[in-house]
Amino acid sequence: MAPQTQITVTPGWTFPVSIISYTSEGNSFFYCPELNLIGYGASEQEAQKSFQISKREFFRFLKTNPSFFLELKKLGWTGSENSKKMCPPSWAFLLENDEIIREVVAINNFSKKQVKMRITT
């Protein structure tokens, strides 16, 4: 297994995450397992818009939360606040620990792409 890339958490940091898109029961979904963010709607466009709102609100929460690093650790990120270096959870970790991913992989056609997200802290 390839080593996880450490990301230095500084203002304007950019990090890689997965975006899983799928449909279920007539609705479209966008899901980011590394951040446990989901958006959904009757169409892909609605799901993407919903996902952007979820992402914006989550980042707003992280920016104002004194336990920023603890929140990421709850999501499976590793690293330390002292070094300001974090590693996102691996796909293997997510498959083992994320019920949504397991369900999507088991019963839905889905697509997965890697994207870079940017947050200011």
Protein backbone atom coordinates (compact mmCIF):
# COMPACT_ATOMS: atom_id res chain seq x y z
CA MET A 1 0.00 0.00 0.00
CA ALA A 2 1.31 3.46 -0.91
CA PRO A 3 2.03 5.78 2.02
CA GLN A 4 -0.51 8.50 2.67
CA THR A 5 0.49 11.99 1.66
CA GLN A 6 0.78 14.38 4.58
CA ILE A 7 -0.85 17.74 4.04
CA THR A 8 0.36 20.79 5.91
CA VAL A 9 -2.66 22.60 7.30
CA THR A 10 -2.08 26.28 6.63
CA PRO A 11 -4.34 29.11 5.45
CA GLY A 12 -5.55 28.27 1.97
CA TRP A 13 -4.61 24.58 2.21
CA THR A 14 -5.62 22.26 -0.60
CA PHE A 15 -6.18 18.55 -0.13
CA PRO A 16 -7.33 15.55 -2.20
CA VAL A 17 -10.69 13.94 -1.59
CA SER A 18 -12.99 11.52 -3.39
CA ILE A 19 -16.34 12.50 -4.80
CA ILE A 20 -18.71 9.57 -5.24
CA SER A 21 -21.71 10.19 -7.47
CA TYR A 22 -24.61 7.78 -7.72
CA THR A 23 -28.37 7.53 -8.07
CA SER A 24 -30.74 5.79 -5.69
CA GLU A 25 -34.52 5.64 -5.70
CA GLY A 26 -34.70 8.27 -8.43
CA ASN A 27 -32.45 10.80 -6.69
CA SER A 28 -28.89 11.85 -7.50
CA PHE A 29 -26.22 11.98 -4.81
CA PHE A 30 -22.73 13.44 -4.43
CA TYR A 31 -20.80 12.13 -1.44
CA CYS A 32 -17.34 12.97 -0.09
CA PRO A 33 -16.43 10.20 2.36
CA GLU A 34 -13.24 11.87 3.63
CA LEU A 35 -15.37 14.73 4.97
CA ASN A 36 -18.68 12.87 5.37
CA LEU A 37 -20.45 15.42 3.17
CA ILE A 38 -23.43 14.60 1.00
CA GLY A 39 -25.62 16.47 -1.43
CA TYR A 40 -28.71 15.15 -3.13
CA GLY A 41 -31.52 16.17 -5.42
CA ALA A 42 -33.92 15.14 -8.15
CA SER A 43 -31.21 15.84 -10.74
CA GLU A 44 -27.41 15.83 -10.85
CA GLN A 45 -27.46 19.63 -10.91
CA GLU A 46 -29.60 19.78 -7.76
CA ALA A 47 -27.36 17.22 -6.05
CA GLN A 48 -24.25 19.19 -6.96
CA LYS A 49 -25.78 22.43 -5.67
CA SER A 50 -26.82 20.69 -2.44
CA PHE A 51 -23.30 19.28 -2.07
CA GLN A 52 -21.76 22.75 -2.50
CA ILE A 53 -24.00 24.08 0.27
CA SER A 54 -23.01 21.20 2.57
CA LYS A 55 -19.34 21.79 1.81
CA ARG A 56 -19.58 25.54 2.45
CA GLU A 57 -21.37 25.02 5.78
CA PHE A 58 -18.88 22.34 6.88
CA PHE A 59 -15.91 24.57 6.06
CA ARG A 60 -17.56 27.46 7.88
CA PHE A 61 -17.94 25.18 10.91
CA LEU A 62 -14.30 24.05 10.71
CA LYS A 63 -13.01 27.60 10.44
CA THR A 64 -14.83 28.68 13.59
CA ASN A 65 -14.37 25.51 15.61
CA PRO A 66 -11.48 25.39 18.07
CA SER A 67 -11.37 21.59 17.71
CA PHE A 68 -10.66 21.71 13.95
CA PHE A 69 -8.12 18.86 14.13
CA LEU A 70 -10.35 16.75 16.38
CA GLU A 71 -13.16 16.99 13.84
CA LEU A 72 -10.87 15.75 11.08
CA LYS A 73 -9.60 12.94 13.33
CA LYS A 74 -13.22 11.84 13.95
CA LEU A 75 -13.47 11.43 10.17
CA GLY A 76 -10.41 9.19 10.04
CA TRP A 77 -7.73 11.76 9.26
CA THR A 78 -4.38 11.14 10.92
CA GLY A 79 -1.69 13.55 12.04
CA SER A 80 -1.28 16.09 14.78
CA GLU A 81 -2.25 19.62 15.57
CA ASN A 82 1.29 20.32 16.80
CA SER A 83 2.88 19.53 13.43
CA LYS A 84 -0.10 20.91 11.49
CA LYS A 85 0.24 17.91 9.17
CA MET A 86 -2.74 15.70 8.38
CA CYS A 87 -3.37 12.70 6.13
CA PRO A 88 -6.83 12.01 4.74
CA PRO A 89 -8.21 8.53 5.41
CA SER A 90 -7.32 5.85 2.88
CA TRP A 91 -9.95 4.28 0.62
CA ALA A 92 -9.41 0.97 2.49
CA PHE A 93 -10.13 2.71 5.83
CA LEU A 94 -13.26 4.30 4.37
CA LEU A 95 -14.54 0.99 2.97
CA GLU A 96 -14.07 -0.60 6.36
CA ASN A 97 -15.52 2.22 8.46
CA ASP A 98 -18.03 4.14 6.34
CA GLU A 99 -21.48 2.56 6.08
CA ILE A 100 -22.56 4.83 3.22
CA ILE A 101 -19.57 3.78 1.07
CA ARG A 102 -20.22 0.11 1.77
CA GLU A 103 -23.87 0.48 0.73
CA VAL A 104 -23.05 2.44 -2.41
CA VAL A 105 -20.36 -0.02 -3.49
CA ALA A 106 -22.62 -3.01 -2.77
CA ILE A 107 -25.84 -1.94 -4.46
CA ASN A 108 -25.38 1.08 -6.71
CA ASN A 109 -23.64 1.94 -9.91
CA PHE A 110 -21.37 4.80 -8.94
CA SER A 111 -18.49 6.87 -10.18
CA LYS A 112 -15.54 8.00 -8.10
CA LYS A 113 -13.22 10.84 -8.91
CA GLN A 114 -10.40 12.51 -7.03
CA VAL A 115 -10.67 16.27 -6.65
CA LYS A 116 -8.73 18.93 -4.79
CA MET A 117 -10.61 20.98 -2.22
CA ARG A 118 -9.38 24.22 -0.78
CA ILE A 119 -10.15 25.64 2.64
CA THR A 120 -8.96 28.68 4.49
CA THR A 121 -8.38 28.26 8.21
